[in-house]
């Protein structure tokens, strides 16, 4: 009996051992996960592989999940990850171990780390932060041909005390700068910042990070940070050296690329031609820096050109402002053939009307063309005879006049005896 019980217990232990997962096929979560702020809108995540993970030589990877402020997932074989993200809402991330080669092997459980949102009274942070970059030509003292300026504006927080003062910082790549030139509101609070020169390179793909924090004696001012893609805030310059001339019926327009670090092939253009006489606008898009249009030679034209960086060189952004209008063509508007016909016809009618009024007023018409008496209409089948006797002569002259009426006309016959 005892032997039978021992046999059953041994079988149960073997069955439980078979049901336990193999340590070699189980992925363990990483350890020592930390999150550290290393710069403006920058976080460094660090972790270590689980020291009990077997086999030790297995190809392991890690899946990183950003939970806050914006969800994002990616895989890596490194044990650290640099994250570029806003931090005024806090930060939270999780990491798990995955097999880099075997997709069938289940991933480990998650480990997490977080950074709390910075302290501050609600409604004291700035709102409506907008920024704009613009490329300008460098002076002769600069080592580069171009430099990029930065201009940012914002609105004061609704609950910010009157003594609140805001301060702006920007980071591009590894470099961070504090604003030195501010615009102020009526309470002398900073509401805009101007950087004449920055370390920004319009051709690179780094994001621009901007932070505005503040101070007040009455409340803790909550900071606010924001990330900008350069192509969305870059204000491209209009084309340069625009010329336009009319030869016969051809309007030729030429220009040069804008002031920019991008080469010539990176731009496309839009031309706007406005006919001031006909109030008609013609727009054309092109990649060349020359445009020829067929026009008439009796109108005046306004020519404008604008530019944008093409998707060939970076993500498509905004158009530049229109160039100042350039006027070409005739100031004196020549009358067309249609107008000449209308004017001539009107003049003739007016002259005839004036002559008619003058003739009627001075009775010239009746003097020039007196009325002709109309024949009597009641003479029908009339026979008239006259006899003339001449004194001193025995001859008698008789004149007989007879009228015969035909259906549509009268015939007069004269007979002399």
Protein backbone atom coordinates (compact mmCIF):
# COMPACT_ATOMS: atom_id res chain seq x y z
CA UNK A 1 0.00 0.00 0.00
CA UNK A 2 2.76 2.38 0.93
CA UNK A 3 4.59 1.53 -2.27
CA UNK A 4 1.50 2.38 -4.32
CA UNK A 5 1.16 5.77 -2.65
CA UNK A 6 4.80 6.57 -3.30
CA UNK A 7 4.40 5.67 -6.95
CA UNK A 8 1.38 8.01 -7.30
CA UNK A 9 3.19 10.90 -5.62
CA UNK A 10 6.16 10.45 -7.92
CA UNK A 11 3.93 10.54 -10.99
CA UNK A 12 2.24 13.76 -9.79
CA UNK A 13 5.58 15.47 -9.29
CA UNK A 14 6.73 14.43 -12.76
CA UNK A 15 3.48 15.75 -14.26
CA UNK A 16 3.84 19.11 -12.51
CA UNK A 17 7.42 19.37 -13.68
CA UNK A 18 6.35 18.77 -17.24
CA UNK A 19 3.77 21.55 -16.96
CA UNK A 20 6.29 24.15 -15.69
CA UNK A 21 7.74 26.38 -18.44
CA UNK A 22 11.29 25.81 -19.51
CA UNK A 23 13.52 28.51 -18.10
CA UNK A 24 15.40 28.59 -21.38
CA UNK A 25 12.22 29.53 -23.27
CA UNK A 26 10.97 32.24 -20.90
CA UNK A 27 11.92 35.92 -21.42
CA UNK A 28 12.41 37.89 -18.24
CA UNK A 29 11.67 41.66 -18.01
CA UNK A 30 14.55 44.15 -17.93
CA UNK A 31 15.66 45.66 -14.63
CA UNK A 32 16.75 49.06 -13.32
CA UNK A 33 14.62 51.12 -15.76
CA UNK A 34 15.12 54.86 -15.23
CA UNK A 35 13.91 58.04 -16.97
CA UNK A 36 16.09 61.16 -16.82
CA UNK A 37 15.62 64.63 -18.31
CA UNK A 38 18.81 65.47 -20.21
CA UNK A 39 17.73 68.64 -21.98
CA UNK A 40 14.86 70.75 -23.17
CA UNK A 41 12.15 68.25 -24.26
CA UNK A 42 14.66 65.40 -23.99
CA UNK A 43 14.44 62.23 -21.89
CA UNK A 44 16.97 59.42 -21.60
CA UNK A 45 15.64 55.95 -20.79
CA UNK A 46 18.10 53.40 -19.38
CA UNK A 47 17.66 49.76 -18.38
CA UNK A 48 19.59 46.52 -18.01
CA UNK A 49 18.86 42.99 -19.22
CA UNK A 50 17.60 40.64 -16.55
CA UNK A 51 20.66 38.96 -14.97
CA UNK A 52 18.75 35.68 -14.60
CA UNK A 53 17.91 35.49 -18.27
CA UNK A 54 18.96 32.21 -19.89
CA UNK A 55 20.55 31.38 -22.18
CA UNK A 56 22.95 34.27 -21.73
CA UNK A 57 24.09 34.32 -25.32
CA UNK A 58 20.57 34.56 -26.80
CA UNK A 59 19.76 37.43 -29.23
CA UNK A 60 17.51 39.63 -27.16
CA UNK A 61 15.78 42.90 -28.00
CA UNK A 62 13.55 45.36 -26.19
CA UNK A 63 10.26 46.94 -27.04
CA UNK A 64 9.87 50.54 -25.82
CA UNK A 65 6.42 51.99 -25.39
CA UNK A 66 5.88 55.68 -24.70
CA UNK A 67 2.62 56.03 -22.78
CA UNK A 68 2.57 59.77 -22.04
CA UNK A 69 2.29 62.37 -23.51
CA UNK A 70 1.84 60.63 -26.87
CA UNK A 71 1.76 56.90 -27.47
CA UNK A 72 4.56 55.41 -29.53
CA UNK A 73 6.12 51.94 -29.90
CA UNK A 74 9.49 50.91 -31.31
CA UNK A 75 12.01 48.07 -30.97
CA UNK A 76 15.71 48.30 -30.21
CA UNK A 77 18.65 46.12 -29.17
CA UNK A 78 20.21 48.93 -27.13
CA UNK A 79 19.76 49.28 -23.38
CA UNK A 80 19.04 53.00 -23.63
CA UNK A 81 16.79 55.25 -25.69
CA UNK A 82 16.73 58.99 -26.31
CA UNK A 83 13.22 60.41 -26.48
CA UNK A 84 12.29 63.85 -27.83
CA UNK A 85 8.94 64.81 -26.35
CA UNK A 86 7.09 67.57 -24.55
CA UNK A 87 7.26 67.32 -20.76
CA UNK A 88 4.74 69.81 -19.35
CA UNK A 89 2.15 67.00 -19.28
CA UNK A 90 4.52 64.51 -17.63
CA UNK A 91 6.20 61.44 -19.12
CA UNK A 92 5.63 57.71 -18.84
CA UNK A 93 7.33 54.80 -20.62
CA UNK A 94 7.44 51.00 -20.42
CA UNK A 95 9.99 48.42 -21.63
CA UNK A 96 9.75 44.65 -22.16
CA UNK A 97 12.17 41.98 -23.37
CA UNK A 98 11.58 40.37 -26.77
CA UNK A 99 13.37 37.75 -28.80
CA UNK A 100 15.20 39.39 -31.68
CA UNK A 101 15.18 36.26 -33.86
CA UNK A 102 12.30 34.04 -32.73
CA UNK A 103 8.91 35.64 -33.28
CA UNK A 104 7.11 32.68 -31.67
CA UNK A 105 8.71 33.29 -28.29
CA UNK A 106 6.36 35.37 -26.10
CA UNK A 107 7.63 38.71 -24.82
CA UNK A 108 8.28 39.37 -21.17
CA UNK A 109 6.11 41.42 -18.89
CA UNK A 110 6.42 45.24 -18.85
CA UNK A 111 8.44 47.42 -16.51
CA UNK A 112 7.66 51.14 -16.30
CA UNK A 113 9.13 54.50 -15.33
CA UNK A 114 7.58 57.96 -15.23
CA UNK A 115 8.26 61.65 -14.71
CA UNK A 116 5.59 63.75 -13.11
CA UNK A 117 4.30 66.93 -14.72
CA UNK A 118 6.10 70.05 -13.44
CA UNK A 119 4.39 71.96 -10.66
CA UNK A 120 2.43 75.14 -11.26
CA UNK A 121 -0.93 76.76 -10.74
CA UNK A 122 -3.57 75.88 -13.34
CA UNK A 123 -4.14 78.54 -16.03
CA UNK A 124 -0.82 80.31 -15.45
CA UNK A 125 1.11 78.83 -18.37
CA UNK A 126 1.17 80.59 -21.72
CA UNK A 127 -1.24 79.69 -24.53
CA UNK A 128 -1.20 79.93 -28.35
CA UNK A 129 2.55 79.62 -28.77
CA UNK A 130 3.52 80.18 -32.43
CA UNK A 131 6.99 80.38 -33.96
CA UNK A 132 8.38 81.30 -37.35
CA UNK A 133 11.85 80.95 -38.86
CA UNK A 134 13.30 82.97 -41.70
CA UNK A 135 16.60 82.72 -43.59
CA UNK A 136 18.62 85.89 -44.07
CA UNK A 137 21.95 86.58 -45.74
CA UNK A 138 24.85 86.73 -43.30
CA UNK A 139 27.09 89.76 -43.05
CA UNK A 140 30.71 89.70 -44.12
CA UNK A 141 31.85 88.86 -40.57
CA UNK A 142 29.99 85.53 -40.56
CA UNK A 143 31.58 82.23 -41.52
CA UNK A 144 28.42 81.02 -43.27
CA UNK A 145 26.47 82.54 -46.17
CA UNK A 146 23.09 82.35 -44.46
CA UNK A 147 21.65 82.48 -40.97
CA UNK A 148 18.20 81.66 -39.62
CA UNK A 149 16.21 83.99 -37.39
CA UNK A 150 13.46 82.89 -34.98
CA UNK A 151 10.40 84.81 -33.86
CA UNK A 152 7.87 83.42 -31.33
CA UNK A 153 4.70 84.91 -29.86
CA UNK A 154 2.27 83.78 -27.16
CA UNK A 155 -0.64 84.87 -24.99
CA UNK A 156 -0.56 85.31 -21.23
CA UNK A 157 -2.27 82.58 -19.19
CA UNK A 158 -5.82 83.35 -18.12
CA UNK A 159 -5.03 82.99 -14.40
CA UNK A 160 -1.53 84.45 -14.50
CA UNK A 161 -1.04 87.29 -11.97
CA UNK A 162 -0.22 90.77 -13.23
CA UNK A 163 3.37 90.50 -11.99
CA UNK A 164 4.00 87.35 -14.04
CA UNK A 165 7.08 87.38 -16.20
CA UNK A 166 7.75 84.78 -18.89
CA UNK A 167 11.07 83.55 -20.28
CA UNK A 168 11.66 81.64 -23.50
CA UNK A 169 14.30 79.04 -24.38
CA UNK A 170 14.81 77.08 -27.55
CA UNK A 171 16.85 73.97 -28.33
CA UNK A 172 17.95 72.83 -31.76
CA UNK A 173 20.15 69.75 -31.82
CA UNK A 174 22.55 69.89 -28.87
CA UNK A 175 22.44 73.67 -28.46
CA UNK A 176 20.06 75.57 -26.15
CA UNK A 177 19.67 79.36 -26.07
CA UNK A 178 17.73 81.81 -23.94
CA UNK A 179 15.91 84.75 -25.48
CA UNK A 180 17.45 88.19 -25.02
CA UNK A 181 15.04 90.37 -27.02
CA UNK A 182 11.40 90.47 -25.88
CA UNK A 183 8.27 92.37 -26.82
CA UNK A 184 6.06 93.34 -23.89
CA UNK A 185 2.38 94.03 -23.27
CA UNK A 186 0.89 97.00 -21.40
CA UNK A 187 1.81 95.38 -18.05
CA UNK A 188 5.39 94.88 -19.23
CA UNK A 189 5.00 91.11 -19.44
CA UNK A 190 6.97 89.33 -22.15
CA UNK A 191 4.66 88.18 -24.95
CA UNK A 192 7.09 87.70 -27.88
CA UNK A 193 10.72 86.83 -28.48
CA UNK A 194 13.13 87.59 -31.32
CA UNK A 195 16.38 85.74 -32.12
CA UNK A 196 18.20 87.57 -34.97
CA UNK A 197 20.60 84.64 -35.35
CA UNK A 198 20.22 81.03 -34.29
CA UNK A 199 21.93 77.66 -34.70
CA UNK A 200 18.98 76.37 -36.76
CA UNK A 201 19.76 74.81 -40.13
CA UNK A 202 16.73 74.73 -42.42
CA UNK A 203 18.10 71.78 -44.39
CA UNK A 204 18.33 69.49 -41.36
CA UNK A 205 15.51 67.41 -39.94
CA UNK A 206 15.84 68.10 -36.21
CA UNK A 207 12.75 69.26 -34.39
CA UNK A 208 12.79 72.68 -32.77
CA UNK A 209 11.97 72.55 -29.04
CA UNK A 210 10.68 75.70 -27.36
CA UNK A 211 10.09 76.15 -23.62
CA UNK A 212 8.41 79.10 -21.92
CA UNK A 213 8.45 79.20 -18.13
CA UNK A 214 7.70 82.05 -15.77
CA UNK A 215 7.87 83.53 -12.32
CA UNK A 216 5.54 85.46 -10.03
CA UNK A 217 5.42 86.44 -6.37
CA UNK A 218 1.76 85.49 -6.15
CA UNK A 219 1.65 82.04 -7.79
CA UNK A 220 3.79 79.25 -9.21
CA UNK A 221 3.83 79.62 -12.99
CA UNK A 222 3.40 76.36 -14.86
CA UNK A 223 5.90 75.87 -17.73
CA UNK A 224 4.88 75.07 -21.27
CA UNK A 225 6.95 73.41 -24.01
CA UNK A 226 6.23 72.59 -27.65
CA UNK A 227 7.94 70.85 -30.59
CA UNK A 228 7.96 72.27 -34.12
CA UNK A 229 8.86 70.62 -37.43
CA UNK A 230 10.96 73.11 -39.36
CA UNK A 231 9.07 72.78 -42.64
CA UNK A 232 5.85 73.86 -40.90
CA UNK A 233 7.27 77.10 -39.48
CA UNK A 234 9.84 78.10 -42.10
CA UNK A 235 8.82 81.33 -43.81
CA UNK A 236 10.40 81.05 -47.26
CA UNK A 237 11.60 84.29 -48.83
CA UNK A 238 10.10 85.55 -52.12
CA UNK A 239 12.20 85.17 -55.30
CA UNK A 240 14.78 87.87 -56.00
CA UNK A 241 15.62 90.16 -58.93
CA UNK A 242 12.32 89.80 -60.74
CA UNK A 243 12.19 91.37 -64.21
CA UNK A 244 9.30 91.59 -66.67
CA UNK A 245 9.10 93.04 -70.18
CA UNK A 246 6.67 92.97 -73.09
CA UNK A 247 7.85 92.44 -76.66
CA UNK A 248 4.94 92.53 -79.07
CA UNK A 249 2.43 90.12 -77.54
CA UNK A 250 4.96 88.19 -75.39
CA UNK A 251 5.34 88.93 -71.68
CA UNK A 252 8.69 87.54 -70.45
CA UNK A 253 9.27 87.16 -66.69
CA UNK A 254 12.60 86.18 -65.09
CA UNK A 255 13.69 85.80 -61.45
CA UNK A 256 16.30 84.24 -59.16
CA UNK A 257 15.89 81.77 -56.30
CA UNK A 258 15.10 83.16 -52.84
CA UNK A 259 17.68 83.77 -50.12
CA UNK A 260 17.97 80.24 -48.75
CA UNK A 261 20.37 77.45 -47.88
CA UNK A 262 18.54 75.22 -50.36
CA UNK A 263 19.99 75.04 -53.90
CA UNK A 264 18.15 76.15 -57.03
CA UNK A 265 16.63 72.77 -57.90
CA UNK A 266 14.83 72.62 -54.53
CA UNK A 267 12.29 75.33 -55.38
CA UNK A 268 9.07 75.54 -57.32
CA UNK A 269 7.29 78.78 -58.13
CA UNK A 270 3.91 80.35 -58.78
CA UNK A 271 3.46 83.36 -61.06
CA UNK A 272 0.46 85.70 -60.85
CA UNK A 273 -0.30 88.07 -63.75
CA UNK A 274 -3.08 90.60 -63.26
CA UNK A 275 -4.60 92.45 -66.24
CA UNK A 276 -5.62 95.80 -64.76
CA UNK A 277 -7.80 96.78 -67.74
CA UNK A 278 -9.82 93.55 -67.95
CA UNK A 279 -9.63 92.77 -64.20
CA UNK A 280 -8.39 89.25 -64.99
CA UNK A 281 -5.87 87.15 -63.00
CA UNK A 282 -3.71 84.39 -64.49
CA UNK A 283 -1.70 82.03 -62.22
CA UNK A 284 0.80 79.40 -63.30
CA UNK A 285 3.01 76.94 -61.34
CA UNK A 286 6.44 75.82 -62.54
CA UNK A 287 9.93 74.70 -61.49
CA UNK A 288 11.85 76.93 -63.93
CA UNK A 289 12.83 80.53 -63.17
CA UNK A 290 11.44 81.89 -66.46
CA UNK A 291 7.90 82.26 -67.72
CA UNK A 292 6.54 83.60 -71.04
CA UNK A 293 2.86 84.45 -71.54
CA UNK A 294 0.85 85.70 -74.52
CA UNK A 295 -0.71 89.11 -73.77
CA UNK A 296 -2.23 92.02 -75.66
CA UNK A 297 -0.34 95.27 -76.15
CA UNK A 298 -3.07 97.63 -74.98
CA UNK A 299 -3.24 96.59 -71.30
CA UNK A 300 -1.24 97.20 -68.18
CA UNK A 301 -0.13 94.16 -66.13
CA UNK A 302 0.88 93.52 -62.54
CA UNK A 303 3.38 90.65 -62.10
CA UNK A 304 4.10 88.81 -58.81
CA UNK A 305 6.03 85.62 -58.01
CA UNK A 306 6.26 83.43 -54.90
CA UNK A 307 8.28 80.31 -54.01
CA UNK A 308 8.17 77.14 -51.91
CA UNK A 309 10.66 74.39 -51.12
CA UNK A 310 9.85 71.29 -53.17
CA UNK A 311 9.25 67.84 -51.70
CA UNK A 312 12.41 66.76 -53.55
CA UNK A 313 14.52 68.37 -50.81
CA UNK A 314 12.26 68.22 -47.74
CA UNK A 315 8.66 67.85 -46.69
CA UNK A 316 6.42 70.38 -48.38
CA UNK A 317 5.90 73.52 -46.35
CA UNK A 318 4.26 76.90 -46.86
CA UNK A 319 4.49 79.24 -49.84
CA UNK A 320 6.45 82.43 -49.45
CA UNK A 321 4.76 85.79 -49.49
CA UNK A 322 4.09 87.29 -52.93
CA UNK A 323 6.82 89.52 -54.27
CA UNK A 324 5.99 93.25 -54.55
CA UNK A 325 3.93 93.92 -57.71
CA UNK A 326 5.90 94.80 -60.83
CA UNK A 327 3.95 96.79 -63.46
CA UNK A 328 4.51 96.49 -67.20
CA UNK A 329 2.52 97.48 -70.27
CA UNK A 330 0.71 100.59 -71.53
CA UNK A 331 -0.66 103.16 -69.16
CA UNK A 332 -2.64 104.72 -72.04
CA UNK A 333 -5.44 102.36 -72.90
CA UNK A 334 -5.88 102.19 -76.68
CA UNK A 335 -9.50 101.84 -77.77
CA UNK A 336 -10.28 98.54 -79.42
CA UNK A 337 -12.02 98.15 -82.81
CA UNK A 338 -15.31 97.35 -81.10
CA UNK A 339 -15.17 100.55 -79.10
CA UNK A 340 -14.30 102.57 -82.22
CA UNK A 341 -17.38 101.23 -84.01
CA UNK A 342 -19.60 101.97 -81.02
CA UNK A 343 -18.24 105.52 -80.65
CA UNK A 344 -18.54 106.25 -84.38
CA UNK A 345 -22.12 104.98 -84.54
CA UNK A 346 -23.08 107.00 -81.48
CA UNK A 347 -21.52 110.16 -82.94
CA UNK A 348 -23.39 109.79 -86.25
CA UNK A 349 -26.70 109.27 -84.49
CA UNK A 350 -26.06 112.29 -82.29
CA UNK A 351 -25.21 114.50 -85.29
CA UNK A 352 -28.35 113.41 -87.15
CA UNK A 353 -30.47 114.10 -84.10
CA UNK A 354 -29.00 117.61 -83.73
CA UNK A 355 -29.55 118.40 -87.42
CA UNK A 356 -33.15 117.20 -87.22
CA UNK A 357 -33.82 119.45 -84.23
CA UNK A 358 -32.23 122.46 -85.96
CA UNK A 359 -34.24 121.92 -89.13
CA UNK A 360 -37.46 121.58 -87.19
CA UNK A 361 -36.78 124.69 -85.14
CA UNK A 362 -35.82 126.95 -88.10
CA UNK A 363 -38.34 125.49 -90.61
CA UNK A 364 -35.49 124.74 -92.96
CA UNK A 365 -37.07 121.51 -94.08
CA UNK A 366 -40.13 123.20 -95.61
CA UNK A 367 -37.93 125.82 -97.27
CA UNK A 368 -35.66 123.27 -98.85
CA UNK A 369 -38.39 120.85 -99.80
CA UNK A 370 -41.75 122.68 -100.38
CA UNK A 371 -44.83 120.45 -100.42
CA UNK A 372 -46.22 119.26 -103.84
CA UNK A 373 -50.04 119.73 -104.34
CA UNK A 374 -51.87 116.47 -104.51
CA UNK A 375 -54.20 115.81 -107.49
CA UNK A 376 -57.94 115.82 -106.93
CA UNK A 377 -59.26 112.44 -106.37
CA UNK A 378 -62.90 112.93 -107.60
CA UNK A 379 -62.18 113.53 -111.29
CA UNK A 380 -63.60 110.56 -113.11
CA UNK A 381 -64.85 110.28 -116.77
CA UNK A 382 -64.46 114.02 -117.14
CA UNK A 383 -64.81 115.40 -120.65
CA UNK A 384 -63.80 118.96 -121.19
CA UNK A 385 -64.03 120.86 -124.52
CA UNK A 386 -63.08 124.43 -125.20
CA UNK A 387 -63.72 126.53 -128.25
CA UNK A 388 -61.76 129.55 -129.03
CA UNK A 389 -62.78 132.11 -131.61
CA UNK A 390 -60.31 134.49 -132.90
CA UNK A 391 -61.35 137.94 -134.04
CA UNK A 392 -60.71 138.79 -137.75
CA UNK A 393 -60.67 135.10 -138.74
CA UNK A 394 -63.27 132.65 -139.88
CA UNK A 395 -61.33 129.67 -138.63
CA UNK A 396 -62.47 128.09 -135.43
CA UNK A 397 -60.07 126.22 -133.16
CA UNK A 398 -61.59 123.58 -130.99
CA UNK A 399 -59.57 121.83 -128.24
CA UNK A 400 -60.98 118.62 -127.00
CA UNK A 401 -59.63 117.14 -123.76
CA UNK A 402 -60.75 113.71 -122.83
CA UNK A 403 -59.80 111.55 -119.88
CA UNK A 404 -60.17 107.82 -119.86
CA UNK A 405 -59.91 105.91 -116.69
CA UNK A 406 -58.27 102.57 -116.78
CA UNK A 407 -58.27 100.07 -113.90
CA UNK A 408 -54.98 101.24 -112.39
CA UNK A 409 -54.00 104.48 -114.16
CA UNK A 410 -55.35 107.42 -116.24
CA UNK A 411 -54.43 108.27 -119.84
CA UNK A 412 -54.60 111.86 -121.05
CA UNK A 413 -55.28 112.35 -124.76
CA UNK A 414 -54.92 115.72 -126.51
CA UNK A 415 -56.60 116.32 -129.84
CA UNK A 416 -56.21 119.58 -131.62
CA UNK A 417 -58.52 120.50 -134.55
